[in-house]
Every structure is written in C-alpha cells, then in structure tokens.
C-alpha cells in the first residue's frame, strides 16, 4: 500500500478513536516513526502531507534528516529513543522535541547544550510505567520529584510525559497511569500508543501517538 494510503488509513483511525473518546481529531498528533528507513521511504510520506516524524537514535537521524529538513523546513523531528549524555549537543541541534528525558545527567546535559546553542526543543519525560529493569524511563513513583528537579534545578520547561508499556501486558492500565501523573503535574502532552495500541492510547488521553510499522511497513533491521 502506498504511503499516502497508509497515512490516510491511520488518520481515519485516529479521527474515529478521538470521536469515540469525545475528543477532536486535531487534539492528537501523529508522529511517524521512521527509524531504520531512509530518505527514499520517508519522502513519499512527506509528499503525502506528513510533517511530524520520530527517530530512535541521534546518530542515525543525523545521517539523513539535515538534508531532508533543508528540503522541507516545516518538518518537526522528535527523538523518541534513549539519549546518551555525549549526544546531548547533537540532539539539541537536530531535534525539535526530545521525548526521552529520563535521568539527572541527561537533564543537566540538555540544559547546558540548550543554553550553549540557544535552542530549546520541547521536552517530555519518559516514564517506565512497567518498572522494567531493561527499559529506560523514570519510575512512576519518582516522576513528580524528577519533573520538579528538571524545572527548578535545571530550568527545563517540561511539556509532558511519554511511556512504552510492557509488550506482554495490556497497555490500557499503563496509559491510564501516565495520564494520571500528567494531570497531577499539570502537563498537557501525553506521548503514548504505537502501531498496535494507539487507539487505546487516544481513549486514555494521548496527544501524540508514535506509529511506524503501520506507515512504513515491517523493518528489516533489528532495533
């Protein structure tokens, strides 16, 4: 199926899910996750009108997105994967939104590079709602204090929260937990839901859904 048709299908599903939840479709932003796909696969999605994209790795994004953004300056690029402190400068320079703020060292590094480059991408804190030891993210019970330190110690304007539920558990309780924490902290943005569960995420208040496979197809490269 061509990218334009896939994007239309996803857009229709987002609109239907939003309507079922009593929300306007415009409240939900589709982040097309293009990790492992090159410009040849991304350009058709841009031609079809998609303007918000997500990448997992700074180095991979740096290899393909500067040229794409030069050709399409209205693109908004999100980092949705883990960030290492030694990549903070590159991330601040390239991304418009960083969704994976998850520890003190990253917060400090981002604050330093944002001041150095005079560039302020939007920031979301990643929450490890399933307390999975192998997964990045702040534990739910530590999120309030971490967001407070980001704001007060590092001067970071946190816009919202992001989560990736455990693959072997129903996602709805994790989405509900993230929404509860966001309400408590007065955060407007909720990035949750991927190809298999974005409609459930919308029902629980997602303002961003991260969809890759349903747009670009199965990935050949393990990630």
N, C-alpha and C. Protein backbone atom coordinates (compact mmCIF):
# COMPACT_ATOMS: atom_id res chain seq x y z
N UNK A 1 0.85 -1.19 0.00
CA UNK A 1 0.00 0.00 0.00
C UNK A 1 0.89 1.25 0.00
N UNK A 2 0.63 2.21 -0.87
CA UNK A 2 1.43 3.44 -0.89
C UNK A 2 1.36 4.19 0.44
N UNK A 3 2.42 4.98 0.70
CA UNK A 3 2.48 5.73 1.96
C UNK A 3 1.27 6.64 2.14
N UNK A 4 0.82 7.26 1.06
CA UNK A 4 -0.32 8.17 1.17
C UNK A 4 -1.56 7.44 1.65
N UNK A 5 -1.77 6.22 1.13
CA UNK A 5 -2.93 5.44 1.54
C UNK A 5 -2.81 4.99 2.99
N UNK A 6 -1.60 4.60 3.38
CA UNK A 6 -1.41 4.19 4.77
C UNK A 6 -1.64 5.35 5.72
N UNK A 7 -1.14 6.52 5.36
CA UNK A 7 -1.33 7.69 6.20
C UNK A 7 -2.81 8.07 6.29
N UNK A 8 -3.53 7.95 5.18
CA UNK A 8 -4.96 8.23 5.20
C UNK A 8 -5.68 7.26 6.13
N UNK A 9 -5.31 5.98 6.05
CA UNK A 9 -5.92 4.99 6.92
C UNK A 9 -5.65 5.28 8.39
N UNK A 10 -4.40 5.59 8.72
CA UNK A 10 -4.05 5.91 10.11
C UNK A 10 -4.80 7.17 10.56
N UNK A 11 -4.85 8.17 9.70
CA UNK A 11 -5.58 9.40 10.04
C UNK A 11 -7.04 9.14 10.32
N UNK A 12 -7.65 8.28 9.51
CA UNK A 12 -9.06 7.94 9.73
C UNK A 12 -9.26 7.20 11.06
N UNK A 13 -8.32 6.32 11.37
CA UNK A 13 -8.42 5.57 12.63
C UNK A 13 -8.21 6.49 13.84
N UNK A 14 -7.29 7.45 13.71
CA UNK A 14 -7.08 8.42 14.79
C UNK A 14 -8.35 9.24 14.99
N UNK A 15 -8.94 9.69 13.90
CA UNK A 15 -10.17 10.50 13.99
C UNK A 15 -11.31 9.72 14.62
N UNK A 16 -11.44 8.45 14.23
CA UNK A 16 -12.51 7.63 14.79
C UNK A 16 -12.30 7.37 16.28
N UNK A 17 -11.04 7.11 16.66
CA UNK A 17 -10.74 6.87 18.07
C UNK A 17 -10.98 8.13 18.91
N UNK A 18 -10.59 9.28 18.36
CA UNK A 18 -10.81 10.54 19.07
C UNK A 18 -12.31 10.81 19.24
N UNK A 19 -13.07 10.59 18.17
CA UNK A 19 -14.51 10.81 18.24
C UNK A 19 -15.15 9.90 19.28
N UNK A 20 -14.73 8.63 19.30
CA UNK A 20 -15.28 7.67 20.27
C UNK A 20 -14.97 8.09 21.70
N UNK A 21 -13.85 8.81 21.89
CA UNK A 21 -13.45 9.27 23.22
C UNK A 21 -14.00 10.65 23.55
N UNK A 22 -14.81 11.20 22.65
CA UNK A 22 -15.36 12.53 22.86
C UNK A 22 -14.35 13.64 22.68
N UNK A 23 -13.34 13.37 21.84
CA UNK A 23 -12.29 14.34 21.60
C UNK A 23 -12.27 14.74 20.13
N UNK A 24 -11.62 15.87 19.84
CA UNK A 24 -11.46 16.31 18.46
C UNK A 24 -10.23 15.65 17.87
N UNK A 25 -10.28 15.21 16.60
CA UNK A 25 -9.11 14.58 15.97
C UNK A 25 -7.87 15.47 16.02
N UNK A 26 -8.07 16.79 15.97
CA UNK A 26 -6.95 17.70 15.99
C UNK A 26 -6.19 17.73 17.30
N UNK A 27 -6.74 17.08 18.33
CA UNK A 27 -6.04 17.02 19.61
C UNK A 27 -4.92 15.99 19.62
N UNK A 28 -4.84 15.15 18.57
CA UNK A 28 -3.88 14.06 18.53
C UNK A 28 -2.92 14.25 17.37
N UNK A 29 -1.63 14.30 17.66
CA UNK A 29 -0.59 14.44 16.63
C UNK A 29 -0.02 13.08 16.29
N UNK A 30 0.04 12.78 15.01
CA UNK A 30 0.66 11.55 14.54
C UNK A 30 2.16 11.78 14.36
N UNK A 31 2.97 11.04 15.12
CA UNK A 31 4.42 11.06 14.96
C UNK A 31 4.79 9.81 14.15
N UNK A 32 5.20 10.01 12.90
CA UNK A 32 5.56 8.89 12.03
C UNK A 32 6.99 8.47 12.35
N UNK A 33 7.15 7.28 12.92
CA UNK A 33 8.46 6.83 13.39
C UNK A 33 9.20 6.17 12.23
N UNK A 34 10.25 6.85 11.77
CA UNK A 34 10.95 6.46 10.54
C UNK A 34 12.29 5.80 10.81
N UNK A 35 12.51 5.31 12.03
CA UNK A 35 13.78 4.66 12.35
C UNK A 35 14.03 3.49 11.40
N UNK A 36 15.26 3.35 10.96
CA UNK A 36 15.77 2.33 10.03
C UNK A 36 15.35 2.57 8.59
N UNK A 37 14.49 3.54 8.33
CA UNK A 37 14.08 3.83 6.95
C UNK A 37 14.84 5.05 6.44
N UNK A 38 15.22 5.00 5.16
CA UNK A 38 15.99 6.08 4.56
C UNK A 38 15.13 7.11 3.86
N UNK A 39 15.77 8.13 3.30
CA UNK A 39 15.03 9.20 2.62
C UNK A 39 14.09 8.70 1.53
N UNK A 40 14.47 7.64 0.83
CA UNK A 40 13.61 7.13 -0.25
C UNK A 40 12.27 6.66 0.28
N UNK A 41 12.26 6.11 1.51
CA UNK A 41 10.99 5.68 2.10
C UNK A 41 10.27 6.83 2.80
N UNK A 42 11.02 7.81 3.27
CA UNK A 42 10.43 8.92 4.02
C UNK A 42 9.80 9.96 3.09
N UNK A 43 10.43 10.23 1.97
CA UNK A 43 9.95 11.27 1.06
C UNK A 43 8.49 11.07 0.63
N UNK A 44 8.04 9.84 0.32
CA UNK A 44 6.63 9.68 -0.05
C UNK A 44 5.67 10.08 1.08
N UNK A 45 6.07 9.82 2.32
CA UNK A 45 5.22 10.23 3.44
C UNK A 45 5.17 11.75 3.54
N UNK A 46 6.31 12.41 3.31
CA UNK A 46 6.33 13.88 3.31
C UNK A 46 5.46 14.41 2.17
N UNK A 47 5.58 13.80 1.01
CA UNK A 47 4.78 14.22 -0.14
C UNK A 47 3.29 14.06 0.12
N UNK A 48 2.94 13.08 0.96
CA UNK A 48 1.54 12.84 1.29
C UNK A 48 1.02 13.78 2.38
N UNK A 49 1.91 14.64 2.89
CA UNK A 49 1.47 15.64 3.85
C UNK A 49 1.91 15.44 5.28
N UNK A 50 2.61 14.33 5.58
CA UNK A 50 3.07 14.10 6.95
C UNK A 50 4.23 15.05 7.28
N UNK A 51 4.16 15.69 8.44
CA UNK A 51 5.17 16.67 8.79
C UNK A 51 5.84 16.41 10.14
N UNK A 52 5.37 15.45 10.91
CA UNK A 52 5.96 15.16 12.22
C UNK A 52 6.51 13.74 12.19
N UNK A 53 7.81 13.62 12.45
CA UNK A 53 8.50 12.33 12.36
C UNK A 53 9.26 12.05 13.64
N UNK A 54 9.49 10.77 13.91
CA UNK A 54 10.24 10.37 15.09
C UNK A 54 11.39 9.45 14.74
N UNK A 55 12.49 9.57 15.47
CA UNK A 55 13.66 8.72 15.30
C UNK A 55 14.11 8.21 16.66
N UNK A 56 14.73 7.02 16.66
CA UNK A 56 15.19 6.41 17.90
C UNK A 56 16.62 6.76 18.28
N UNK A 57 17.45 7.00 17.29
CA UNK A 57 18.88 7.19 17.56
C UNK A 57 19.38 8.51 16.95
N UNK A 58 20.15 9.22 17.74
CA UNK A 58 20.67 10.51 17.29
C UNK A 58 21.57 10.33 16.07
N UNK A 59 22.46 9.35 16.12
CA UNK A 59 23.42 9.18 15.04
C UNK A 59 22.73 8.84 13.72
N UNK A 60 21.74 7.95 13.78
CA UNK A 60 21.03 7.60 12.55
C UNK A 60 20.28 8.81 12.00
N UNK A 61 19.62 9.54 12.88
CA UNK A 61 18.87 10.72 12.44
C UNK A 61 19.79 11.77 11.83
N UNK A 62 20.98 11.93 12.41
CA UNK A 62 21.93 12.93 11.91
C UNK A 62 22.42 12.60 10.50
N UNK A 63 22.33 11.32 10.15
CA UNK A 63 22.78 10.91 8.82
C UNK A 63 21.79 11.14 7.72
N UNK A 64 20.53 11.39 8.06
CA UNK A 64 19.53 11.53 7.00
C UNK A 64 18.64 12.77 7.12
N UNK A 65 18.45 13.30 8.33
CA UNK A 65 17.46 14.34 8.47
C UNK A 65 17.93 15.77 8.15
N UNK A 66 19.20 16.14 8.33
CA UNK A 66 19.56 17.51 7.96
C UNK A 66 19.22 17.85 6.51
N UNK A 67 19.52 16.95 5.58
CA UNK A 67 19.19 17.21 4.17
C UNK A 67 17.68 17.23 3.95
N UNK A 68 16.97 16.31 4.60
CA UNK A 68 15.51 16.29 4.46
C UNK A 68 14.89 17.57 5.02
N UNK A 69 15.41 18.05 6.15
CA UNK A 69 14.86 19.27 6.74
C UNK A 69 15.22 20.50 5.92
N UNK A 70 16.36 20.45 5.25
CA UNK A 70 16.69 21.56 4.34
C UNK A 70 15.68 21.65 3.21
N UNK A 71 15.27 20.47 2.71
CA UNK A 71 14.29 20.45 1.62
C UNK A 71 12.87 20.72 2.11
N UNK A 72 12.62 20.38 3.36
CA UNK A 72 11.27 20.52 3.92
C UNK A 72 11.38 21.21 5.28
N UNK A 73 11.56 22.53 5.31
CA UNK A 73 11.85 23.22 6.56
C UNK A 73 10.71 23.21 7.58
N UNK A 74 9.52 22.77 7.17
CA UNK A 74 8.41 22.74 8.12
C UNK A 74 8.29 21.40 8.85
N UNK A 75 9.26 20.52 8.65
CA UNK A 75 9.27 19.24 9.36
C UNK A 75 9.53 19.46 10.85
N UNK A 76 8.82 18.68 11.68
CA UNK A 76 9.08 18.66 13.12
C UNK A 76 9.62 17.28 13.46
N UNK A 77 10.83 17.23 14.02
CA UNK A 77 11.50 15.96 14.27
C UNK A 77 11.58 15.68 15.77
N UNK A 78 11.16 14.48 16.15
CA UNK A 78 11.14 14.07 17.56
C UNK A 78 12.16 12.96 17.80
N UNK A 79 12.87 13.05 18.91
CA UNK A 79 13.68 11.93 19.38
C UNK A 79 12.81 11.11 20.33
N UNK A 80 12.56 9.85 19.97
CA UNK A 80 11.68 9.01 20.78
C UNK A 80 12.43 7.84 21.42
N UNK A 81 13.74 7.76 21.20
CA UNK A 81 14.56 6.71 21.78
C UNK A 81 15.49 7.25 22.86
N UNK A 82 16.21 6.36 23.53
CA UNK A 82 17.10 6.78 24.63
C UNK A 82 18.18 7.74 24.15
N UNK A 83 18.55 8.65 25.05
CA UNK A 83 19.57 9.66 24.74
C UNK A 83 20.75 9.49 25.68
N UNK A 84 21.97 9.43 25.10
CA UNK A 84 23.19 9.40 25.89
C UNK A 84 23.68 10.83 26.11
N UNK A 85 24.34 11.05 27.24
CA UNK A 85 24.78 12.41 27.55
C UNK A 85 25.75 12.95 26.50
N UNK A 86 26.58 12.08 25.91
CA UNK A 86 27.55 12.57 24.91
C UNK A 86 26.89 12.92 23.58
N UNK A 87 25.59 12.65 23.45
CA UNK A 87 24.85 13.01 22.24
C UNK A 87 23.90 14.18 22.48
N UNK A 88 23.97 14.77 23.67
CA UNK A 88 23.02 15.83 24.02
C UNK A 88 23.14 17.03 23.08
N UNK A 89 24.38 17.43 22.76
CA UNK A 89 24.54 18.60 21.87
C UNK A 89 23.94 18.32 20.50
N UNK A 90 24.25 17.14 19.93
CA UNK A 90 23.70 16.80 18.63
C UNK A 90 22.18 16.73 18.67
N UNK A 91 21.63 16.20 19.76
CA UNK A 91 20.17 16.09 19.88
C UNK A 91 19.52 17.45 19.93
N UNK A 92 20.09 18.36 20.71
CA UNK A 92 19.52 19.71 20.81
C UNK A 92 19.59 20.43 19.47
N UNK A 93 20.68 20.20 18.75
CA UNK A 93 20.85 20.87 17.45
C UNK A 93 19.88 20.35 16.40
N UNK A 94 19.54 19.07 16.45
CA UNK A 94 18.77 18.44 15.37
C UNK A 94 17.28 18.32 15.64
N UNK A 95 16.92 17.97 16.87
CA UNK A 95 15.52 17.62 17.15
C UNK A 95 14.72 18.81 17.63
N UNK A 96 13.45 18.81 17.26
CA UNK A 96 12.52 19.84 17.71
C UNK A 96 11.84 19.46 19.02
N UNK A 97 11.74 18.16 19.26
CA UNK A 97 11.16 17.64 20.51
C UNK A 97 12.00 16.44 20.94
N UNK A 98 12.34 16.37 22.22
CA UNK A 98 13.06 15.23 22.80
C UNK A 98 12.13 14.60 23.81
N UNK A 99 11.70 13.36 23.52
CA UNK A 99 10.68 12.71 24.35
C UNK A 99 11.25 11.79 25.42
N UNK A 100 12.56 11.70 25.52
CA UNK A 100 13.15 10.66 26.36
C UNK A 100 14.06 11.21 27.47
N UNK A 101 13.65 12.31 28.09
CA UNK A 101 14.37 12.81 29.25
C UNK A 101 14.07 11.87 30.42
N UNK A 102 15.10 11.23 30.98
CA UNK A 102 14.81 10.17 31.94
C UNK A 102 15.77 10.07 33.13
N UNK A 103 16.75 10.98 33.22
CA UNK A 103 17.65 10.92 34.36
C UNK A 103 18.36 12.26 34.54
N UNK A 104 18.94 12.41 35.73
CA UNK A 104 19.50 13.69 36.12
C UNK A 104 20.61 14.15 35.18
N UNK A 105 21.50 13.24 34.80
CA UNK A 105 22.62 13.63 33.93
C UNK A 105 22.13 14.13 32.57
N UNK A 106 21.08 13.52 32.06
CA UNK A 106 20.53 13.97 30.78
C UNK A 106 19.90 15.35 30.93
N UNK A 107 19.18 15.55 32.00
CA UNK A 107 18.57 16.86 32.24
C UNK A 107 19.65 17.95 32.30
N UNK A 108 20.73 17.68 33.03
CA UNK A 108 21.81 18.66 33.16
C UNK A 108 22.49 18.90 31.82
N UNK A 109 22.73 17.84 31.06
CA UNK A 109 23.40 17.98 29.76
C UNK A 109 22.53 18.75 28.78
N UNK A 110 21.24 18.48 28.78
CA UNK A 110 20.34 19.20 27.88
C UNK A 110 20.27 20.68 28.24
N UNK A 111 20.19 20.99 29.53
CA UNK A 111 20.15 22.38 29.95
C UNK A 111 21.40 23.12 29.49
N UNK A 112 22.56 22.48 29.64
CA UNK A 112 23.83 23.09 29.24
C UNK A 112 23.87 23.34 27.74
N UNK A 113 23.48 22.34 26.94
CA UNK A 113 23.55 22.48 25.48
C UNK A 113 22.48 23.42 24.94
N UNK A 114 21.33 23.48 25.59
CA UNK A 114 20.30 24.40 25.14
C UNK A 114 20.75 25.84 25.34
N UNK A 115 21.45 26.10 26.44
CA UNK A 115 21.99 27.44 26.66
C UNK A 115 23.13 27.73 25.67
N UNK A 116 23.98 26.73 25.45
CA UNK A 116 25.12 26.92 24.56
C UNK A 116 24.66 27.21 23.12
N UNK A 117 23.66 26.46 22.66
CA UNK A 117 23.20 26.59 21.27
C UNK A 117 22.06 27.59 21.11
N UNK A 118 21.54 28.09 22.24
CA UNK A 118 20.38 28.99 22.22
C UNK A 118 19.24 28.37 21.40
N UNK A 119 18.99 27.11 21.69
CA UNK A 119 17.92 26.39 21.01
C UNK A 119 17.18 25.56 22.06
N UNK A 120 15.85 25.60 22.04
CA UNK A 120 15.08 24.96 23.09
C UNK A 120 14.01 24.03 22.53
N UNK A 121 14.40 22.80 22.23
CA UNK A 121 13.40 21.82 21.80
C UNK A 121 12.41 21.52 22.92
N UNK A 122 11.21 21.10 22.54
CA UNK A 122 10.25 20.67 23.53
C UNK A 122 10.75 19.42 24.24
N UNK A 123 10.41 19.27 25.51
CA UNK A 123 10.93 18.15 26.31
C UNK A 123 9.80 17.38 26.96
N UNK A 124 9.89 16.05 26.87
CA UNK A 124 9.00 15.15 27.57
C UNK A 124 9.83 14.21 28.45
N UNK A 125 9.30 13.87 29.59
CA UNK A 125 9.94 12.91 30.48
C UNK A 125 9.40 11.51 30.17
N UNK A 126 10.31 10.57 29.98
CA UNK A 126 9.91 9.18 29.76
C UNK A 126 9.71 8.49 31.10
N UNK A 127 8.54 7.85 31.23
CA UNK A 127 8.19 7.15 32.48
C UNK A 127 8.16 5.65 32.20
N UNK A 128 8.85 4.91 33.02
CA UNK A 128 8.89 3.44 32.91
C UNK A 128 7.72 2.87 33.71
N UNK A 129 6.54 2.91 33.10
CA UNK A 129 5.32 2.57 33.84
C UNK A 129 5.29 1.13 34.30
N UNK A 130 6.03 0.25 33.60
CA UNK A 130 6.07 -1.16 33.99
C UNK A 130 7.22 -1.51 34.89
N UNK A 131 8.02 -0.51 35.29
CA UNK A 131 9.20 -0.74 36.14
C UNK A 131 10.07 -1.86 35.59
N UNK A 132 10.28 -1.85 34.26
CA UNK A 132 11.08 -2.88 33.62
C UNK A 132 12.56 -2.54 33.74
N UNK A 133 13.38 -3.41 34.29
CA UNK A 133 14.79 -3.08 34.52
C UNK A 133 15.57 -2.82 33.25
N UNK A 134 15.17 -3.42 32.14
CA UNK A 134 15.90 -3.25 30.89
C UNK A 134 15.47 -2.02 30.10
N UNK A 135 14.48 -1.32 30.59
CA UNK A 135 13.90 -0.21 29.82
C UNK A 135 14.22 1.12 30.47
N UNK A 136 14.45 2.13 29.61
CA UNK A 136 14.71 3.48 30.10
C UNK A 136 13.44 4.08 30.70
N UNK A 137 13.62 5.13 31.46
CA UNK A 137 12.47 5.84 32.00
C UNK A 137 12.52 5.98 33.51
N UNK A 138 11.90 7.04 33.99
CA UNK A 138 11.78 7.30 35.42
C UNK A 138 10.66 6.42 35.97
N UNK A 139 10.84 5.87 37.15
CA UNK A 139 9.78 5.09 37.77
C UNK A 139 8.60 5.99 38.11
N UNK A 140 7.38 5.46 38.02
CA UNK A 140 6.20 6.30 38.29
C UNK A 140 6.27 7.05 39.62
N UNK A 141 6.73 6.35 40.67
CA UNK A 141 6.75 6.97 41.99
C UNK A 141 7.84 8.05 42.12
N UNK A 142 8.76 8.10 41.17
CA UNK A 142 9.82 9.11 41.19
C UNK A 142 9.58 10.27 40.24
N UNK A 143 8.49 10.19 39.47
CA UNK A 143 8.29 11.16 38.39
C UNK A 143 8.05 12.57 38.90
N UNK A 144 7.24 12.72 39.93
CA UNK A 144 6.95 14.06 40.44
C UNK A 144 8.23 14.78 40.85
N UNK A 145 9.08 14.08 41.61
CA UNK A 145 10.31 14.70 42.09
C UNK A 145 11.27 14.98 40.94
N UNK A 146 11.32 14.08 39.95
CA UNK A 146 12.22 14.30 38.83
C UNK A 146 11.78 15.50 37.99
N UNK A 147 10.48 15.60 37.72
CA UNK A 147 9.99 16.76 36.96
C UNK A 147 10.28 18.05 37.73
N UNK A 148 10.11 18.02 39.04
CA UNK A 148 10.40 19.21 39.84
C UNK A 148 11.88 19.60 39.73
N UNK A 149 12.78 18.62 39.76
CA UNK A 149 14.22 18.93 39.62
C UNK A 149 14.52 19.46 38.23
N UNK A 150 13.90 18.89 37.22
CA UNK A 150 14.10 19.40 35.85
C UNK A 150 13.74 20.88 35.77
N UNK A 151 12.63 21.21 36.39
CA UNK A 151 12.14 22.59 36.34
C UNK A 151 12.98 23.52 37.22
N UNK A 152 13.17 23.13 38.46
CA UNK A 152 13.75 24.04 39.45
C UNK A 152 15.27 24.06 39.44
N UNK A 153 15.89 22.90 39.28
CA UNK A 153 17.35 22.83 39.30
C UNK A 153 17.96 23.15 37.95
N UNK A 154 17.34 22.63 36.89
CA UNK A 154 17.93 22.76 35.55
C UNK A 154 17.22 23.78 34.66
N UNK A 155 16.11 24.33 35.10
CA UNK A 155 15.41 25.35 34.33
C UNK A 155 14.79 24.84 33.04
N UNK A 156 14.42 23.56 33.03
CA UNK A 156 13.85 22.96 31.83
C UNK A 156 12.32 23.07 31.84
N UNK A 157 11.78 23.42 30.71
CA UNK A 157 10.32 23.50 30.56
C UNK A 157 9.80 22.15 30.07
N UNK A 158 9.36 21.32 30.98
CA UNK A 158 8.84 20.00 30.62
C UNK A 158 7.41 20.14 30.12
N UNK A 159 7.16 19.63 28.91
CA UNK A 159 5.83 19.76 28.30
C UNK A 159 4.92 18.59 28.59
N UNK A 160 5.49 17.42 28.85
CA UNK A 160 4.62 16.27 29.02
C UNK A 160 5.39 15.01 29.36
N UNK A 161 4.70 13.87 29.22
CA UNK A 161 5.25 12.57 29.57
C UNK A 161 5.13 11.61 28.40
N UNK A 162 6.02 10.61 28.39
CA UNK A 162 5.99 9.57 27.37
C UNK A 162 6.15 8.22 28.05
N UNK A 163 5.53 7.17 27.49
CA UNK A 163 5.75 5.83 28.01
C UNK A 163 5.69 4.80 26.90
N UNK A 164 6.30 3.64 27.18
CA UNK A 164 6.24 2.46 26.32
C UNK A 164 5.84 1.30 27.23
N UNK A 165 4.58 0.88 27.22
CA UNK A 165 4.15 -0.19 28.12
C UNK A 165 4.87 -1.50 27.84
N UNK A 166 4.92 -2.38 28.84
CA UNK A 166 5.49 -3.71 28.61
C UNK A 166 4.78 -4.42 27.47
N UNK A 167 5.54 -5.12 26.65
CA UNK A 167 4.96 -5.74 25.46
C UNK A 167 4.01 -6.88 25.80
N UNK A 168 4.17 -7.47 26.99
CA UNK A 168 3.37 -8.63 27.34
C UNK A 168 2.25 -8.30 28.33
N UNK A 169 1.90 -7.02 28.44
CA UNK A 169 0.81 -6.62 29.34
C UNK A 169 -0.18 -5.76 28.58
N UNK A 170 -1.46 -5.77 29.00
CA UNK A 170 -2.43 -4.85 28.38
C UNK A 170 -1.96 -3.42 28.56
N UNK A 171 -2.02 -2.60 27.51
CA UNK A 171 -1.47 -1.25 27.63
C UNK A 171 -2.35 -0.27 28.39
N UNK A 172 -3.66 -0.53 28.44
CA UNK A 172 -4.57 0.47 29.00
C UNK A 172 -4.22 0.92 30.41
N UNK A 173 -3.89 0.02 31.34
CA UNK A 173 -3.54 0.50 32.69
C UNK A 173 -2.30 1.40 32.70
N UNK A 174 -1.37 1.14 31.81
CA UNK A 174 -0.17 1.97 31.73
C UNK A 174 -0.50 3.36 31.19
N UNK A 175 -1.36 3.41 30.18
CA UNK A 175 -1.79 4.70 29.65
C UNK A 175 -2.57 5.49 30.70
N UNK A 176 -3.43 4.80 31.43
CA UNK A 176 -4.20 5.47 32.47
C UNK A 176 -3.29 6.02 33.57
N UNK A 177 -2.27 5.25 33.93
CA UNK A 177 -1.32 5.71 34.95
C UNK A 177 -0.57 6.95 34.48
N UNK A 178 -0.09 6.93 33.24
CA UNK A 178 0.64 8.09 32.72
C UNK A 178 -0.24 9.33 32.69
N UNK A 179 -1.49 9.16 32.27
CA UNK A 179 -2.41 10.29 32.23
C UNK A 179 -2.67 10.85 33.63
N UNK A 180 -2.77 9.96 34.62
CA UNK A 180 -2.98 10.40 35.99
C UNK A 180 -1.80 11.23 36.50
N UNK A 181 -0.58 10.76 36.21
CA UNK A 181 0.61 11.50 36.64
C UNK A 181 0.67 12.86 35.95
N UNK A 182 0.36 12.88 34.65
CA UNK A 182 0.40 14.14 33.90
C UNK A 182 -0.60 15.15 34.46
N UNK A 183 -1.79 14.69 34.78
CA UNK A 183 -2.79 15.60 35.36
C UNK A 183 -2.30 16.17 36.68
N UNK A 184 -1.71 15.32 37.49
CA UNK A 184 -1.22 15.77 38.79
C UNK A 184 -0.14 16.84 38.65
N UNK A 185 0.68 16.71 37.60
CA UNK A 185 1.79 17.64 37.40
C UNK A 185 1.42 18.82 36.50
N UNK A 186 0.20 18.85 36.00
CA UNK A 186 -0.23 19.94 35.14
C UNK A 186 0.44 19.93 33.78
N UNK A 187 0.73 18.73 33.26
CA UNK A 187 1.41 18.59 31.97
C UNK A 187 0.40 18.29 30.87
N UNK A 188 0.51 19.00 29.75
CA UNK A 188 -0.51 18.91 28.71
C UNK A 188 -0.27 17.80 27.70
N UNK A 189 0.99 17.40 27.51
CA UNK A 189 1.31 16.45 26.43
C UNK A 189 1.47 15.03 26.96
N UNK A 190 0.86 14.09 26.25
CA UNK A 190 0.98 12.68 26.57
C UNK A 190 1.34 11.93 25.30
N UNK A 191 2.58 11.45 25.23
CA UNK A 191 3.02 10.65 24.08
C UNK A 191 2.92 9.19 24.45
N UNK A 192 1.92 8.51 23.91
CA UNK A 192 1.72 7.10 24.24
C UNK A 192 0.88 6.46 23.14
N UNK A 193 1.18 5.19 22.89
CA UNK A 193 0.48 4.47 21.84
C UNK A 193 1.34 4.35 20.60
N UNK A 194 1.44 3.10 20.09
CA UNK A 194 2.17 2.83 18.86
C UNK A 194 1.25 2.08 17.89
N UNK A 195 1.83 1.47 16.87
CA UNK A 195 1.00 0.90 15.80
C UNK A 195 -0.07 -0.03 16.32
N UNK A 196 0.24 -0.85 17.33
CA UNK A 196 -0.68 -1.88 17.78
C UNK A 196 -1.72 -1.38 18.79
N UNK A 197 -1.49 -0.21 19.39
CA UNK A 197 -2.37 0.18 20.50
C UNK A 197 -2.68 1.68 20.55
N UNK A 198 -2.48 2.40 19.44
CA UNK A 198 -2.65 3.86 19.53
C UNK A 198 -4.10 4.26 19.77
N UNK A 199 -5.05 3.44 19.32
CA UNK A 199 -6.45 3.78 19.55
C UNK A 199 -6.79 3.70 21.04
N UNK A 200 -6.24 2.71 21.72
CA UNK A 200 -6.41 2.62 23.18
C UNK A 200 -5.78 3.82 23.87
N UNK A 201 -4.61 4.23 23.38
CA UNK A 201 -3.93 5.39 23.97
C UNK A 201 -4.76 6.66 23.80
N UNK A 202 -5.37 6.82 22.64
CA UNK A 202 -6.21 8.00 22.41
C UNK A 202 -7.39 8.02 23.38
N UNK A 203 -7.96 6.85 23.64
CA UNK A 203 -9.07 6.76 24.59
C UNK A 203 -8.66 7.20 25.98
N UNK A 204 -7.36 7.11 26.28
CA UNK A 204 -6.85 7.49 27.61
C UNK A 204 -6.18 8.86 27.60
N UNK A 205 -6.31 9.61 26.52
CA UNK A 205 -5.86 10.99 26.53
C UNK A 205 -4.59 11.30 25.77
N UNK A 206 -4.06 10.36 24.98
CA UNK A 206 -2.83 10.63 24.23
C UNK A 206 -2.98 11.88 23.37
N UNK A 207 -1.97 12.73 23.39
CA UNK A 207 -1.93 13.87 22.48
C UNK A 207 -0.94 13.64 21.34
N UNK A 208 -0.08 12.62 21.49
CA UNK A 208 0.83 12.18 20.43
C UNK A 208 0.80 10.67 20.37
N UNK A 209 0.71 10.12 19.17
CA UNK A 209 0.85 8.67 19.00
C UNK A 209 2.02 8.42 18.06
N UNK A 210 2.83 7.42 18.38
CA UNK A 210 4.06 7.15 17.65
C UNK A 210 3.86 5.90 16.79
N UNK A 211 3.67 6.10 15.51
CA UNK A 211 3.31 5.00 14.62
C UNK A 211 4.39 4.84 13.55
N UNK A 212 4.96 3.65 13.45
CA UNK A 212 5.99 3.38 12.46
C UNK A 212 5.60 2.29 11.50
N UNK A 213 5.45 1.06 12.01
CA UNK A 213 5.19 -0.10 11.17
C UNK A 213 3.94 0.07 10.32
N UNK A 214 2.88 0.63 10.89
CA UNK A 214 1.63 0.77 10.15
C UNK A 214 1.74 1.78 9.01
N UNK A 215 2.80 2.59 9.02
CA UNK A 215 3.02 3.56 7.94
C UNK A 215 4.08 3.06 6.97
N UNK A 216 5.22 2.64 7.50
CA UNK A 216 6.37 2.30 6.66
C UNK A 216 6.51 0.81 6.38
N UNK A 217 5.77 -0.03 7.11
CA UNK A 217 5.90 -1.47 6.93
C UNK A 217 6.87 -2.06 7.92
N UNK A 218 7.06 -3.37 7.84
CA UNK A 218 7.95 -4.06 8.75
C UNK A 218 9.39 -3.65 8.50
N UNK A 219 10.16 -3.57 9.60
CA UNK A 219 11.56 -3.19 9.49
C UNK A 219 12.43 -4.43 9.27
N UNK A 220 13.38 -4.30 8.36
CA UNK A 220 14.30 -5.40 8.10
C UNK A 220 15.45 -5.42 9.09
N UNK A 221 15.81 -4.25 9.61
CA UNK A 221 16.94 -4.14 10.52
C UNK A 221 16.46 -4.29 11.95
N UNK A 222 17.01 -5.20 12.75
CA UNK A 222 16.61 -5.32 14.16
C UNK A 222 16.91 -4.03 14.90
N UNK A 223 15.98 -3.63 15.78
CA UNK A 223 16.16 -2.40 16.56
C UNK A 223 15.85 -2.67 18.02
